[in-house]
Amino acid sequence: MGNICRSPLAHGLFRHIVSEAGLAELIEVDSAGTHAYHVGNAPDPRSCETALRRGIDLGDLRARQVAQEDFTTFDYVLAMDRDNLHILKELCPAGYEERVRLFMEFAPDYGAREVPDPYYGGPSGFERVYDMVAAAATGLLEDVRRRGT
Protein backbone atom coordinates (compact mmCIF):
# COMPACT_ATOMS: atom_id res chain seq x y z
CA MET A 1 0.00 0.00 0.00
CA GLY A 2 2.52 2.61 1.13
CA ASN A 3 5.69 0.88 -0.11
CA ILE A 4 7.51 0.88 3.24
CA CYS A 5 7.01 -2.63 4.71
CA ARG A 6 6.28 -5.67 2.54
CA SER A 7 7.29 -4.39 -0.87
CA PRO A 8 10.74 -3.08 0.15
CA LEU A 9 11.48 -6.42 1.83
CA ALA A 10 10.52 -8.23 -1.37
CA HIS A 11 12.37 -5.67 -3.50
CA GLY A 12 15.60 -5.92 -1.53
CA LEU A 13 15.47 -9.70 -1.23
CA PHE A 14 14.67 -10.26 -4.91
CA ARG A 15 17.38 -7.81 -5.97
CA HIS A 16 19.80 -9.75 -3.76
CA ILE A 17 18.98 -13.17 -5.22
CA VAL A 18 19.03 -11.77 -8.76
CA SER A 19 22.51 -10.40 -8.08
CA GLU A 20 23.67 -13.68 -6.55
CA ALA A 21 22.42 -15.47 -9.67
CA GLY A 22 24.54 -13.14 -11.82
CA LEU A 23 21.49 -11.62 -13.49
CA ALA A 24 21.57 -8.07 -12.13
CA GLU A 25 22.44 -6.64 -15.54
CA LEU A 26 19.44 -8.36 -17.12
CA ILE A 27 16.67 -7.99 -14.53
CA GLU A 28 15.37 -4.67 -13.27
CA VAL A 29 13.80 -4.77 -9.81
CA ASP A 30 11.60 -2.04 -8.35
CA SER A 31 8.73 -1.65 -5.91
CA ALA A 32 5.89 0.80 -5.48
CA GLY A 33 2.78 1.32 -3.40
CA THR A 34 -0.80 1.74 -4.51
CA HIS A 35 -1.20 4.72 -2.16
CA ALA A 36 0.89 7.87 -1.76
CA TYR A 37 1.07 7.68 2.04
CA HIS A 38 4.86 7.49 2.30
CA VAL A 39 6.23 8.68 -1.06
CA GLY A 40 9.91 9.57 -0.66
CA ASN A 41 10.29 7.83 2.70
CA ALA A 42 12.76 5.09 3.51
CA PRO A 43 11.39 1.64 4.35
CA ASP A 44 10.01 1.07 7.84
CA PRO A 45 12.92 0.58 10.28
CA ARG A 46 11.53 -2.85 11.17
CA SER A 47 11.75 -3.91 7.51
CA CYS A 48 15.30 -2.60 7.34
CA GLU A 49 16.32 -4.43 10.52
CA THR A 50 14.72 -7.68 9.38
CA ALA A 51 16.52 -7.55 6.04
CA LEU A 52 19.84 -6.44 7.52
CA ARG A 53 19.87 -9.43 9.87
CA ARG A 54 20.03 -11.51 6.70
CA GLY A 55 22.67 -9.40 5.00
CA ILE A 56 20.34 -7.34 2.81
CA ASP A 57 20.54 -3.54 2.91
CA LEU A 58 17.38 -1.60 2.06
CA GLY A 59 18.98 1.77 2.79
CA ASP A 60 18.87 3.01 -0.81
CA LEU A 61 15.14 2.33 -1.28
CA ARG A 62 12.52 5.07 -1.17
CA ALA A 63 8.77 4.69 -1.35
CA ARG A 64 7.02 5.66 -4.54
CA GLN A 65 3.53 5.24 -5.90
CA VAL A 66 2.68 2.97 -8.81
CA ALA A 67 2.81 4.85 -12.11
CA GLN A 68 0.93 4.08 -15.30
CA GLU A 69 4.18 3.30 -17.13
CA ASP A 70 5.01 0.53 -14.64
CA PHE A 71 2.53 -1.71 -16.42
CA THR A 72 4.30 -1.33 -19.75
CA THR A 73 7.85 -1.21 -18.38
CA PHE A 74 7.82 -4.29 -16.15
CA ASP A 75 6.98 -7.88 -17.09
CA TYR A 76 5.61 -8.50 -13.59
CA VAL A 77 3.47 -6.15 -11.50
CA LEU A 78 2.93 -8.04 -8.27
CA ALA A 79 0.60 -7.35 -5.37
CA MET A 80 1.00 -8.48 -1.79
CA ASP A 81 -2.72 -8.92 -1.15
CA ARG A 82 -6.07 -9.01 -2.91
CA ASP A 83 -6.95 -5.40 -2.05
CA ASN A 84 -3.82 -4.12 -3.77
CA LEU A 85 -4.32 -6.58 -6.61
CA HIS A 86 -7.76 -5.11 -7.22
CA ILE A 87 -6.34 -1.57 -7.30
CA LEU A 88 -3.57 -2.59 -9.69
CA LYS A 89 -6.04 -4.30 -12.01
CA GLU A 90 -8.14 -1.13 -12.11
CA LEU A 91 -5.05 0.95 -12.98
CA CYS A 92 -3.71 -1.48 -15.56
CA PRO A 93 -4.04 -0.45 -19.21
CA ALA A 94 -5.71 -2.84 -21.63
CA GLY A 95 -3.40 -5.51 -22.97
CA TYR A 96 -1.17 -5.77 -19.89
CA GLU A 97 -3.50 -7.54 -17.46
CA GLU A 98 -1.48 -10.80 -17.49
CA ARG A 99 1.40 -8.97 -15.79
CA VAL A 100 -0.66 -8.21 -12.68
CA ARG A 101 -0.60 -11.08 -10.17
CA LEU A 102 -0.30 -11.90 -6.49
CA PHE A 103 3.31 -12.27 -5.35
CA MET A 104 2.55 -15.43 -3.38
CA GLU A 105 1.48 -17.20 -6.60
CA PHE A 106 5.20 -17.88 -6.96
CA ALA A 107 5.22 -19.89 -3.71
CA PRO A 108 2.23 -22.20 -4.23
CA ASP A 109 3.42 -24.70 -1.62
CA TYR A 110 3.71 -22.04 1.09
CA GLY A 111 0.03 -22.27 1.95
CA ALA A 112 -0.79 -18.56 1.79
CA ARG A 113 -2.15 -16.45 -1.05
CA GLU A 114 -1.53 -13.06 0.55
CA VAL A 115 1.34 -11.44 2.43
CA PRO A 116 -0.09 -9.81 5.57
CA ASP A 117 0.74 -6.20 6.34
CA PRO A 118 3.04 -6.22 9.41
CA TYR A 119 2.83 -2.45 9.99
CA TYR A 120 0.67 -2.52 13.14
CA GLY A 121 2.32 -5.57 14.66
CA GLY A 122 5.62 -6.37 16.28
CA PRO A 123 8.93 -7.68 14.95
CA SER A 124 7.65 -11.24 14.53
CA GLY A 125 5.28 -10.03 11.81
CA PHE A 126 8.19 -8.68 9.81
CA GLU A 127 10.06 -11.96 10.25
CA ARG A 128 7.03 -13.86 8.95
CA VAL A 129 6.69 -11.50 5.99
CA TYR A 130 10.38 -11.93 5.18
CA ASP A 131 10.02 -15.72 5.14
CA MET A 132 6.97 -15.48 2.90
CA VAL A 133 8.56 -13.11 0.40
CA ALA A 134 11.74 -15.23 0.40
CA ALA A 135 9.71 -18.23 -0.73
CA ALA A 136 7.91 -16.22 -3.40
CA ALA A 137 11.11 -14.48 -4.59
CA THR A 138 12.74 -17.84 -5.23
CA GLY A 139 9.73 -18.97 -7.22
CA LEU A 140 9.63 -15.69 -9.12
CA LEU A 141 13.25 -16.05 -10.19
CA GLU A 142 12.50 -19.58 -11.40
CA ASP A 143 9.57 -18.21 -13.40
CA VAL A 144 11.69 -15.43 -14.90
CA ARG A 145 14.31 -17.98 -15.96
CA ARG A 146 11.66 -20.31 -17.37
CA ARG A 147 10.07 -17.52 -19.41
CA GLY A 148 13.42 -16.14 -20.49
CA THR A 149 12.42 -12.56 -19.69
C-alpha atoms as a PDB file:
ATOM      1  CA  MET A   1       0.000   0.000   0.000  1.00  0.00           C
ATOM      2  CA  GLY A   2       2.517   2.607   1.128  1.00  0.00           C
ATOM      3  CA  ASN A   3       5.693   0.879  -0.114  1.00  0.00           C
ATOM      4  CA  ILE A   4       7.506   0.876   3.236  1.00  0.00           C
ATOM      5  CA  CYS A   5       7.008  -2.626   4.713  1.00  0.00           C
ATOM      6  CA  ARG A   6       6.280  -5.665   2.545  1.00  0.00           C
ATOM      7  CA  SER A   7       7.293  -4.385  -0.865  1.00  0.00           C
ATOM      8  CA  PRO A   8      10.738  -3.079   0.148  1.00  0.00           C
ATOM      9  CA  LEU A   9      11.481  -6.415   1.826  1.00  0.00           C
ATOM     10  CA  ALA A  10      10.522  -8.231  -1.372  1.00  0.00           C
ATOM     11  CA  HIS A  11      12.372  -5.669  -3.504  1.00  0.00           C
ATOM     12  CA  GLY A  12      15.604  -5.924  -1.526  1.00  0.00           C
ATOM     13  CA  LEU A  13      15.470  -9.698  -1.232  1.00  0.00           C
ATOM     14  CA  PHE A  14      14.673 -10.264  -4.912  1.00  0.00           C
ATOM     15  CA  ARG A  15      17.378  -7.807  -5.971  1.00  0.00           C
ATOM     16  CA  HIS A  16      19.795  -9.754  -3.760  1.00  0.00           C
ATOM     17  CA  ILE A  17      18.984 -13.174  -5.215  1.00  0.00           C
ATOM     18  CA  VAL A  18      19.030 -11.769  -8.760  1.00  0.00           C
ATOM     19  CA  SER A  19      22.508 -10.398  -8.079  1.00  0.00           C
ATOM     20  CA  GLU A  20      23.673 -13.685  -6.548  1.00  0.00           C
ATOM     21  CA  ALA A  21      22.417 -15.466  -9.673  1.00  0.00           C
ATOM     22  CA  GLY A  22      24.544 -13.139 -11.824  1.00  0.00           C
ATOM     23  CA  LEU A  23      21.486 -11.619 -13.491  1.00  0.00           C
ATOM     24  CA  ALA A  24      21.571  -8.067 -12.128  1.00  0.00           C
ATOM     25  CA  GLU A  25      22.442  -6.637 -15.543  1.00  0.00           C
ATOM     26  CA  LEU A  26      19.437  -8.363 -17.116  1.00  0.00           C
ATOM     27  CA  ILE A  27      16.674  -7.994 -14.530  1.00  0.00           C
ATOM     28  CA  GLU A  28      15.375  -4.666 -13.275  1.00  0.00           C
ATOM     29  CA  VAL A  29      13.799  -4.769  -9.810  1.00  0.00           C
ATOM     30  CA  ASP A  30      11.598  -2.041  -8.349  1.00  0.00           C
ATOM     31  CA  SER A  31       8.726  -1.651  -5.914  1.00  0.00           C
ATOM     32  CA  ALA A  32       5.894   0.801  -5.479  1.00  0.00           C
ATOM     33  CA  GLY A  33       2.775   1.320  -3.397  1.00  0.00           C
ATOM     34  CA  THR A  34      -0.799   1.737  -4.507  1.00  0.00           C
ATOM     35  CA  HIS A  35      -1.200   4.715  -2.160  1.00  0.00           C
ATOM     36  CA  ALA A  36       0.892   7.872  -1.763  1.00  0.00           C
ATOM     37  CA  TYR A  37       1.067   7.675   2.042  1.00  0.00           C
ATOM     38  CA  HIS A  38       4.857   7.489   2.305  1.00  0.00           C
ATOM     39  CA  VAL A  39       6.233   8.680  -1.055  1.00  0.00           C
ATOM     40  CA  GLY A  40       9.911   9.569  -0.663  1.00  0.00           C
ATOM     41  CA  ASN A  41      10.286   7.833   2.701  1.00  0.00           C
ATOM     42  CA  ALA A  42      12.763   5.092   3.510  1.00  0.00           C
ATOM     43  CA  PRO A  43      11.392   1.642   4.347  1.00  0.00           C
ATOM     44  CA  ASP A  44      10.011   1.071   7.835  1.00  0.00           C
ATOM     45  CA  PRO A  45      12.923   0.576  10.276  1.00  0.00           C
ATOM     46  CA  ARG A  46      11.535  -2.855  11.168  1.00  0.00           C
ATOM     47  CA  SER A  47      11.746  -3.914   7.510  1.00  0.00           C
ATOM     48  CA  CYS A  48      15.303  -2.599   7.336  1.00  0.00           C
ATOM     49  CA  GLU A  49      16.320  -4.426  10.523  1.00  0.00           C
ATOM     50  CA  THR A  50      14.718  -7.677   9.381  1.00  0.00           C
ATOM     51  CA  ALA A  51      16.525  -7.553   6.038  1.00  0.00           C
ATOM     52  CA  LEU A  52      19.842  -6.436   7.524  1.00  0.00           C
ATOM     53  CA  ARG A  53      19.870  -9.431   9.872  1.00  0.00           C
ATOM     54  CA  ARG A  54      20.026 -11.512   6.696  1.00  0.00           C
ATOM     55  CA  GLY A  55      22.668  -9.395   5.001  1.00  0.00           C
ATOM     56  CA  ILE A  56      20.344  -7.340   2.811  1.00  0.00           C
ATOM     57  CA  ASP A  57      20.544  -3.541   2.909  1.00  0.00           C
ATOM     58  CA  LEU A  58      17.379  -1.600   2.064  1.00  0.00           C
ATOM     59  CA  GLY A  59      18.983   1.774   2.788  1.00  0.00           C
ATOM     60  CA  ASP A  60      18.868   3.007  -0.809  1.00  0.00           C
ATOM     61  CA  LEU A  61      15.141   2.326  -1.277  1.00  0.00           C
ATOM     62  CA  ARG A  62      12.521   5.068  -1.165  1.00  0.00           C
ATOM     63  CA  ALA A  63       8.769   4.693  -1.354  1.00  0.00           C
ATOM     64  CA  ARG A  64       7.017   5.655  -4.536  1.00  0.00           C
ATOM     65  CA  GLN A  65       3.526   5.245  -5.902  1.00  0.00           C
ATOM     66  CA  VAL A  66       2.684   2.969  -8.810  1.00  0.00           C
ATOM     67  CA  ALA A  67       2.813   4.846 -12.105  1.00  0.00           C
ATOM     68  CA  GLN A  68       0.930   4.077 -15.304  1.00  0.00           C
ATOM     69  CA  GLU A  69       4.179   3.302 -17.128  1.00  0.00           C
ATOM     70  CA  ASP A  70       5.011   0.534 -14.637  1.00  0.00           C
ATOM     71  CA  PHE A  71       2.526  -1.711 -16.425  1.00  0.00           C
ATOM     72  CA  THR A  72       4.304  -1.326 -19.754  1.00  0.00           C
ATOM     73  CA  THR A  73       7.851  -1.205 -18.378  1.00  0.00           C
ATOM     74  CA  PHE A  74       7.817  -4.288 -16.151  1.00  0.00           C
ATOM     75  CA  ASP A  75       6.984  -7.881 -17.087  1.00  0.00           C
ATOM     76  CA  TYR A  76       5.612  -8.500 -13.593  1.00  0.00           C
ATOM     77  CA  VAL A  77       3.468  -6.146 -11.502  1.00  0.00           C
ATOM     78  CA  LEU A  78       2.933  -8.036  -8.269  1.00  0.00           C
ATOM     79  CA  ALA A  79       0.605  -7.345  -5.369  1.00  0.00           C
ATOM     80  CA  MET A  80       1.003  -8.483  -1.786  1.00  0.00           C
ATOM     81  CA  ASP A  81      -2.720  -8.923  -1.150  1.00  0.00           C
ATOM     82  CA  ARG A  82      -6.066  -9.008  -2.912  1.00  0.00           C
ATOM     83  CA  ASP A  83      -6.948  -5.404  -2.049  1.00  0.00           C
ATOM     84  CA  ASN A  84      -3.823  -4.119  -3.765  1.00  0.00           C
ATOM     85  CA  LEU A  85      -4.315  -6.577  -6.610  1.00  0.00           C
ATOM     86  CA  HIS A  86      -7.761  -5.109  -7.217  1.00  0.00           C
ATOM     87  CA  ILE A  87      -6.343  -1.569  -7.305  1.00  0.00           C
ATOM     88  CA  LEU A  88      -3.568  -2.594  -9.690  1.00  0.00           C
ATOM     89  CA  LYS A  89      -6.041  -4.304 -12.005  1.00  0.00           C
ATOM     90  CA  GLU A  90      -8.136  -1.131 -12.106  1.00  0.00           C
ATOM     91  CA  LEU A  91      -5.054   0.953 -12.980  1.00  0.00           C
ATOM     92  CA  CYS A  92      -3.712  -1.484 -15.558  1.00  0.00           C
ATOM     93  CA  PRO A  93      -4.038  -0.446 -19.206  1.00  0.00           C
ATOM     94  CA  ALA A  94      -5.707  -2.835 -21.631  1.00  0.00           C
ATOM     95  CA  GLY A  95      -3.399  -5.505 -22.966  1.00  0.00           C
ATOM     96  CA  TYR A  96      -1.171  -5.765 -19.890  1.00  0.00           C
ATOM     97  CA  GLU A  97      -3.503  -7.543 -17.465  1.00  0.00           C
ATOM     98  CA  GLU A  98      -1.484 -10.796 -17.492  1.00  0.00           C
ATOM     99  CA  ARG A  99       1.402  -8.973 -15.791  1.00  0.00           C
ATOM    100  CA  VAL A 100      -0.658  -8.212 -12.679  1.00  0.00           C
ATOM    101  CA  ARG A 101      -0.597 -11.076 -10.169  1.00  0.00           C
ATOM    102  CA  LEU A 102      -0.299 -11.901  -6.494  1.00  0.00           C
ATOM    103  CA  PHE A 103       3.309 -12.269  -5.351  1.00  0.00           C
ATOM    104  CA  MET A 104       2.547 -15.433  -3.382  1.00  0.00           C
ATOM    105  CA  GLU A 105       1.481 -17.201  -6.601  1.00  0.00           C
ATOM    106  CA  PHE A 106       5.199 -17.883  -6.957  1.00  0.00           C
ATOM    107  CA  ALA A 107       5.215 -19.892  -3.707  1.00  0.00           C
ATOM    108  CA  PRO A 108       2.227 -22.201  -4.234  1.00  0.00           C
ATOM    109  CA  ASP A 109       3.416 -24.702  -1.618  1.00  0.00           C
ATOM    110  CA  TYR A 110       3.714 -22.040   1.089  1.00  0.00           C
ATOM    111  CA  GLY A 111       0.031 -22.272   1.946  1.00  0.00           C
ATOM    112  CA  ALA A 112      -0.787 -18.562   1.788  1.00  0.00           C
ATOM    113  CA  ARG A 113      -2.151 -16.453  -1.052  1.00  0.00           C
ATOM    114  CA  GLU A 114      -1.534 -13.060   0.550  1.00  0.00           C
ATOM    115  CA  VAL A 115       1.336 -11.443   2.434  1.00  0.00           C
ATOM    116  CA  PRO A 116      -0.094  -9.813   5.571  1.00  0.00           C
ATOM    117  CA  ASP A 117       0.741  -6.198   6.337  1.00  0.00           C
ATOM    118  CA  PRO A 118       3.036  -6.225   9.414  1.00  0.00           C
ATOM    119  CA  TYR A 119       2.833  -2.448   9.993  1.00  0.00           C
ATOM    120  CA  TYR A 120       0.673  -2.524  13.137  1.00  0.00           C
ATOM    121  CA  GLY A 121       2.318  -5.571  14.662  1.00  0.00           C
ATOM    122  CA  GLY A 122       5.623  -6.373  16.277  1.00  0.00           C
ATOM    123  CA  PRO A 123       8.932  -7.677  14.946  1.00  0.00           C
ATOM    124  CA  SER A 124       7.652 -11.236  14.535  1.00  0.00           C
ATOM    125  CA  GLY A 125       5.277 -10.033  11.807  1.00  0.00           C
ATOM    126  CA  PHE A 126       8.192  -8.677   9.813  1.00  0.00           C
ATOM    127  CA  GLU A 127      10.061 -11.962  10.252  1.00  0.00           C
ATOM    128  CA  ARG A 128       7.032 -13.864   8.954  1.00  0.00           C
ATOM    129  CA  VAL A 129       6.689 -11.504   5.986  1.00  0.00           C
ATOM    130  CA  TYR A 130      10.375 -11.935   5.176  1.00  0.00           C
ATOM    131  CA  ASP A 131      10.022 -15.723   5.141  1.00  0.00           C
ATOM    132  CA  MET A 132       6.970 -15.475   2.898  1.00  0.00           C
ATOM    133  CA  VAL A 133       8.565 -13.112   0.397  1.00  0.00           C
ATOM    134  CA  ALA A 134      11.741 -15.226   0.397  1.00  0.00           C
ATOM    135  CA  ALA A 135       9.713 -18.232  -0.729  1.00  0.00           C
ATOM    136  CA  ALA A 136       7.911 -16.215  -3.401  1.00  0.00           C
ATOM    137  CA  ALA A 137      11.106 -14.480  -4.588  1.00  0.00           C
ATOM    138  CA  THR A 138      12.742 -17.839  -5.230  1.00  0.00           C
ATOM    139  CA  GLY A 139       9.727 -18.975  -7.222  1.00  0.00           C
ATOM    140  CA  LEU A 140       9.628 -15.688  -9.119  1.00  0.00           C
ATOM    141  CA  LEU A 141      13.254 -16.046 -10.187  1.00  0.00           C
ATOM    142  CA  GLU A 142      12.500 -19.580 -11.399  1.00  0.00           C
ATOM    143  CA  ASP A 143       9.568 -18.213 -13.398  1.00  0.00           C
ATOM    144  CA  VAL A 144      11.686 -15.428 -14.902  1.00  0.00           C
ATOM    145  CA  ARG A 145      14.306 -17.980 -15.955  1.00  0.00           C
ATOM    146  CA  ARG A 146      11.661 -20.314 -17.370  1.00  0.00           C
ATOM    147  CA  ARG A 147      10.074 -17.519 -19.408  1.00  0.00           C
ATOM    148  CA  GLY A 148      13.417 -16.139 -20.490  1.00  0.00           C
ATOM    149  CA  THR A 149      12.420 -12.564 -19.693  1.00  0.00           C
END
